[in-house]
Protein backbone atom coordinates (compact mmCIF):
# COMPACT_ATOMS: atom_id res chain seq x y z
CA MET A 1 85.06 268.81 191.63
CA SER A 2 84.16 269.25 188.28
CA ILE A 3 87.50 268.50 185.67
CA PHE A 4 87.88 268.59 182.19
CA HIS A 5 91.40 267.07 180.93
CA PHE A 6 92.93 267.82 177.54
CA LYS A 7 96.50 266.58 176.99
CA GLU A 8 99.10 269.15 178.70
CA PHE A 9 96.61 271.03 181.17
CA SER A 10 93.21 270.90 182.60
CA ILE A 11 90.43 273.07 183.22
CA ARG A 12 88.35 273.48 186.49
CA GLN A 13 84.97 274.76 185.97
CA ASP A 14 82.89 274.20 188.88
CA ASN A 15 82.21 277.85 189.83
CA SER A 16 81.96 279.01 185.99
CA ILE A 17 78.46 279.69 184.28
CA LEU A 18 79.74 278.10 181.31
CA LYS A 19 81.43 274.81 180.67
CA VAL A 20 83.95 273.87 177.93
CA GLY A 21 82.26 273.25 174.79
CA THR A 22 82.58 272.24 171.31
CA ASP A 23 82.89 276.51 170.67
CA ALA A 24 86.17 276.83 172.17
CA MET A 25 87.54 273.71 171.16
CA VAL A 26 86.92 274.67 167.35
CA LEU A 27 88.01 278.16 167.60
CA GLY A 28 90.88 277.15 169.62
CA SER A 29 92.15 274.53 167.19
CA LEU A 30 91.32 277.46 164.22
CA VAL A 31 93.55 280.12 165.30
CA ASN A 32 96.38 280.39 163.21
CA SER A 33 98.81 283.40 163.86
CA GLU A 34 102.39 283.85 162.39
CA LYS A 35 103.14 286.59 165.17
CA ALA A 36 101.74 285.68 168.30
CA LYS A 37 103.71 287.23 171.21
CA GLN A 38 100.97 288.98 173.36
CA ILE A 39 97.51 287.90 173.31
CA LEU A 40 94.60 288.66 174.86
CA ASP A 41 91.56 286.36 175.52
CA ILE A 42 88.00 288.35 175.86
CA GLY A 43 85.80 286.86 178.60
CA THR A 44 87.85 284.13 179.44
CA GLY A 45 85.81 282.43 181.51
CA THR A 46 87.69 278.91 182.58
CA GLY A 47 90.94 279.88 180.66
CA VAL A 48 90.12 277.35 178.46
CA LEU A 49 90.90 279.35 175.32
CA ALA A 50 93.92 281.21 176.93
CA LEU A 51 95.74 277.52 177.99
CA MET A 52 95.01 276.73 173.92
CA MET A 53 96.78 279.55 173.02
CA ALA A 54 99.88 279.06 175.53
CA GLN A 55 100.31 275.29 174.52
CA LYS A 56 100.17 276.53 170.98
CA TYR A 57 102.19 279.88 170.92
CA GLU A 58 105.32 278.76 173.71
CA ASN A 59 107.11 281.88 173.02
CA ALA A 60 103.48 283.90 174.17
CA LYS A 61 102.20 286.38 176.99
CA LEU A 62 98.40 285.64 177.95
CA THR A 63 96.27 288.33 179.31
CA ALA A 64 92.82 286.80 180.01
CA VAL A 65 89.83 289.42 180.83
CA GLU A 66 87.03 288.11 182.62
CA ILE A 67 84.08 290.09 184.49
CA ASP A 68 82.55 287.39 186.54
CA VAL A 69 84.52 287.05 189.58
CA LEU A 70 83.59 283.28 190.21
CA SER A 71 84.55 282.34 187.02
CA ALA A 72 87.94 284.22 186.67
CA ASP A 73 88.99 282.54 190.38
CA ASP A 74 88.39 279.17 187.83
CA CYS A 75 90.61 280.70 185.38
CA GLU A 76 93.28 281.17 188.15
CA PHE A 77 93.27 278.22 189.29
CA ASN A 78 93.42 276.60 186.33
CA PHE A 79 96.09 279.01 185.01
CA LYS A 80 98.76 278.38 188.46
CA SER A 81 98.05 274.09 187.51
CA SER A 82 98.92 274.58 183.89
CA PRO A 83 102.95 274.15 182.83
CA TRP A 84 102.90 277.88 181.63
CA LYS A 85 101.71 279.89 184.74
CA ASN A 86 104.28 282.02 184.32
CA ARG A 87 103.20 283.56 180.69
CA LEU A 88 99.12 283.76 181.69
CA GLU A 89 97.57 286.56 183.69
CA VAL A 90 93.93 286.94 184.48
CA ILE A 91 92.12 290.15 185.42
CA VAL A 92 89.13 290.69 186.72
CA LYS A 93 87.56 293.55 184.83
CA ASN A 94 84.87 294.35 182.03
CA ILE A 95 86.91 294.18 179.00
CA LEU A 96 85.61 297.71 178.01
CA ASP A 97 86.97 299.43 181.10
CA PHE A 98 90.57 297.61 180.37
CA GLU A 99 93.28 299.73 179.38
CA ALA A 100 96.97 297.66 178.55
CA GLU A 101 99.68 299.55 178.09
CA ASN A 102 100.54 297.39 175.57
CA LYS A 103 98.91 296.42 172.05
CA PHE A 104 98.55 293.13 171.10
CA ASP A 105 98.75 290.97 168.05
CA LEU A 106 96.72 288.16 168.81
CA ILE A 107 92.85 288.67 170.04
CA ILE A 108 90.48 285.56 170.67
CA CYS A 109 87.05 286.15 171.72
CA ASN A 110 83.79 283.65 172.33
CA PRO A 111 81.55 285.96 173.13
CA PRO A 112 78.21 286.30 174.57
CA PHE A 113 75.64 284.95 171.85
CA TYR A 114 72.16 285.69 172.27
CA SER A 115 70.96 288.95 171.15
CA ASN A 116 67.62 288.12 170.58
CA SER A 117 66.46 285.94 173.70
CA LEU A 118 65.08 286.49 176.68
CA ALA A 119 67.79 287.70 179.66
CA ASN A 120 68.02 284.85 182.01
CA GLU A 121 67.29 285.53 185.68
CA ASP A 122 70.42 284.55 187.08
CA GLN A 123 72.33 287.83 186.34
CA ARG A 124 75.68 285.92 185.80
CA LYS A 125 74.30 283.77 183.22
CA ALA A 126 72.61 286.58 181.81
CA SER A 127 75.97 288.48 181.17
CA ALA A 128 78.10 285.74 180.00
CA LYS A 129 74.92 284.64 176.88
CA HIS A 130 73.78 287.80 176.09
CA THR A 131 74.72 290.66 173.63
CA ALA A 132 73.11 293.29 175.23
CA TYR A 133 76.35 293.18 178.46
CA LEU A 134 78.59 293.50 175.36
CA PRO A 135 77.07 294.83 172.59
CA PHE A 136 79.37 294.22 169.29
CA GLU A 137 79.68 297.66 168.55
CA GLU A 138 81.83 298.16 171.50
CA LEU A 139 83.13 295.10 171.40
CA PHE A 140 84.72 295.77 167.87
CA LYS A 141 85.98 299.21 168.86
CA LYS A 142 87.69 297.94 171.84
CA VAL A 143 89.52 295.44 169.93
CA VAL A 144 90.40 297.85 167.37
CA SER A 145 92.01 300.08 170.11
CA LEU A 146 94.05 297.05 171.39
CA LEU A 147 95.01 295.26 168.31
CA PHE A 148 98.13 295.97 166.66
CA GLN A 149 98.01 297.29 163.19
CA GLU A 150 98.87 293.87 161.46
CA GLY A 151 97.44 291.86 164.27
CA GLN A 152 94.11 289.15 164.08
CA PHE A 153 91.23 289.19 165.98
CA TRP A 154 89.65 285.60 166.05
CA MET A 155 85.85 284.97 166.98
CA ILE A 156 83.31 282.71 167.03
CA LEU A 157 79.78 283.02 166.43
CA PRO A 158 76.08 281.79 166.12
CA PHE A 159 76.17 281.03 162.06
CA GLN A 160 72.58 283.01 161.47
CA ASP A 161 74.31 286.27 162.81
CA LYS A 162 77.52 286.16 160.50
CA GLU A 163 76.64 288.68 157.96
CA ILE A 164 74.97 291.47 160.35
CA VAL A 165 78.28 291.15 162.72
CA ARG A 166 80.64 291.22 159.72
CA LYS A 167 78.50 294.11 158.61
CA ILE A 168 78.93 295.73 162.27
CA ALA A 169 82.80 295.08 162.00
CA VAL A 170 83.31 296.42 158.68
CA GLU A 171 81.69 299.75 160.17
CA ASN A 172 84.12 299.67 163.11
CA GLY A 173 86.96 299.03 160.99
CA LEU A 174 87.66 295.25 161.48
CA PHE A 175 87.77 293.38 158.13
CA PRO A 176 86.96 289.37 157.44
CA LYS A 177 90.25 287.65 156.30
CA THR A 178 89.23 284.28 157.07
CA ASP A 179 85.23 282.87 157.08
CA VAL A 180 85.05 278.66 158.39
CA THR A 181 81.61 277.84 158.52
CA VAL A 182 81.08 275.43 161.45
CA ASN A 183 78.30 272.31 160.66
CA SER A 184 77.26 270.21 163.75
CA LYS A 185 76.71 267.55 161.21
CA LEU A 186 77.06 267.77 157.57
CA ASN A 187 75.16 270.59 155.72
CA GLN A 188 73.87 271.90 159.34
CA PRO A 189 76.00 275.04 160.00
CA VAL A 190 75.79 276.35 163.17
CA ARG A 191 78.62 278.33 163.71
CA THR A 192 81.07 280.86 161.82
CA VAL A 193 84.58 281.84 163.20
CA PHE A 194 86.02 284.44 161.64
CA CYS A 195 89.33 285.93 161.63
CA PHE A 196 89.14 289.85 161.29
CA THR A 197 91.84 292.32 160.44
CA THR A 198 92.27 296.09 160.37
CA THR A 199 93.20 296.00 156.50
CA ILE A 200 91.25 295.23 153.71
CA SER A 201 92.16 291.23 152.24
CA GLN A 202 92.46 291.04 149.03
CA THR A 203 91.25 287.40 149.01
CA MET A 204 89.06 285.86 152.16
CA GLU A 205 89.93 282.48 153.09
CA LYS A 206 86.99 280.17 153.54
CA ASP A 207 86.55 276.90 154.61
CA ALA A 208 84.19 274.35 156.70
CA VAL A 209 84.58 272.36 159.65
CA THR A 210 81.79 269.30 160.43
CA ILE A 211 81.63 268.05 163.93
CA ARG A 212 79.72 264.97 163.81
CA LYS A 213 78.66 262.47 161.60
CA SER A 214 75.18 261.49 161.33
CA ASP A 215 75.86 258.47 163.84
CA ASN A 216 76.69 261.50 166.24
CA SER A 217 80.27 260.21 166.45
CA TYR A 218 82.91 262.65 165.90
CA THR A 219 84.31 263.08 161.83
CA GLU A 220 87.59 262.43 161.25
CA GLU A 221 88.36 265.99 160.29
CA TYR A 222 87.09 267.10 163.88
CA LYS A 223 89.38 264.94 165.36
CA ILE A 224 92.35 265.99 163.25
CA LEU A 225 91.56 269.38 164.06
CA THR A 226 91.64 268.94 167.60
CA ALA A 227 94.14 266.49 167.67
CA ASP A 228 96.76 268.58 169.70
CA PHE A 229 94.47 269.24 172.58
CA HIS A 230 92.27 266.29 173.49
CA GLY A 231 93.19 264.10 176.06
CA VAL A 232 91.27 261.08 175.19
CA GLN A 233 90.07 259.07 172.12
CA LEU A 234 87.34 260.94 170.72
């Protein structure tokens, strides 16, 4: 059994397409919402981001949506094994078909990335990795319909796609409030983390974080950023 241990919870990922990685760690650690009471995790996979939010926001209720049945099985196991099982729910469904009685004040997503590469022959991996299965236009429209007016939408995406994704977001009613460049090593950008809102921000917060040093060890800033979650010394 493949288990990834955090400080306050563990992740089983035997059946999941995508395993726990630094993308989830960075996104979950950067999320900063003052009003996180109802949280939605889109494409939850193993449930790692939802569990990070449950740890971070002790009074919040978490809804996680996952289209892949086997990944959702891992997610449900991880939720039930956590200290916050009564605040966590996983729903097996395409997010575009998902409807909620109440809106959310925080939505998070580590979406499919590879819009320009050939679709993987494995249908499960393809649906998890390729934007053709969840176009950004459709994702953003759905987020707007599910988000409270004062809510936040946080996502991580490849650095090279940030400008086109920002443009699509604005065209669909989401405006960047926070823009964090994620470097694999110094001056080597690989990811962008955006926080979007439904209102135009007068000033956009910009920041950067570097994950590894030249010797491939973790930087102090990455250790500090993720310190609340990592269960072992990095």
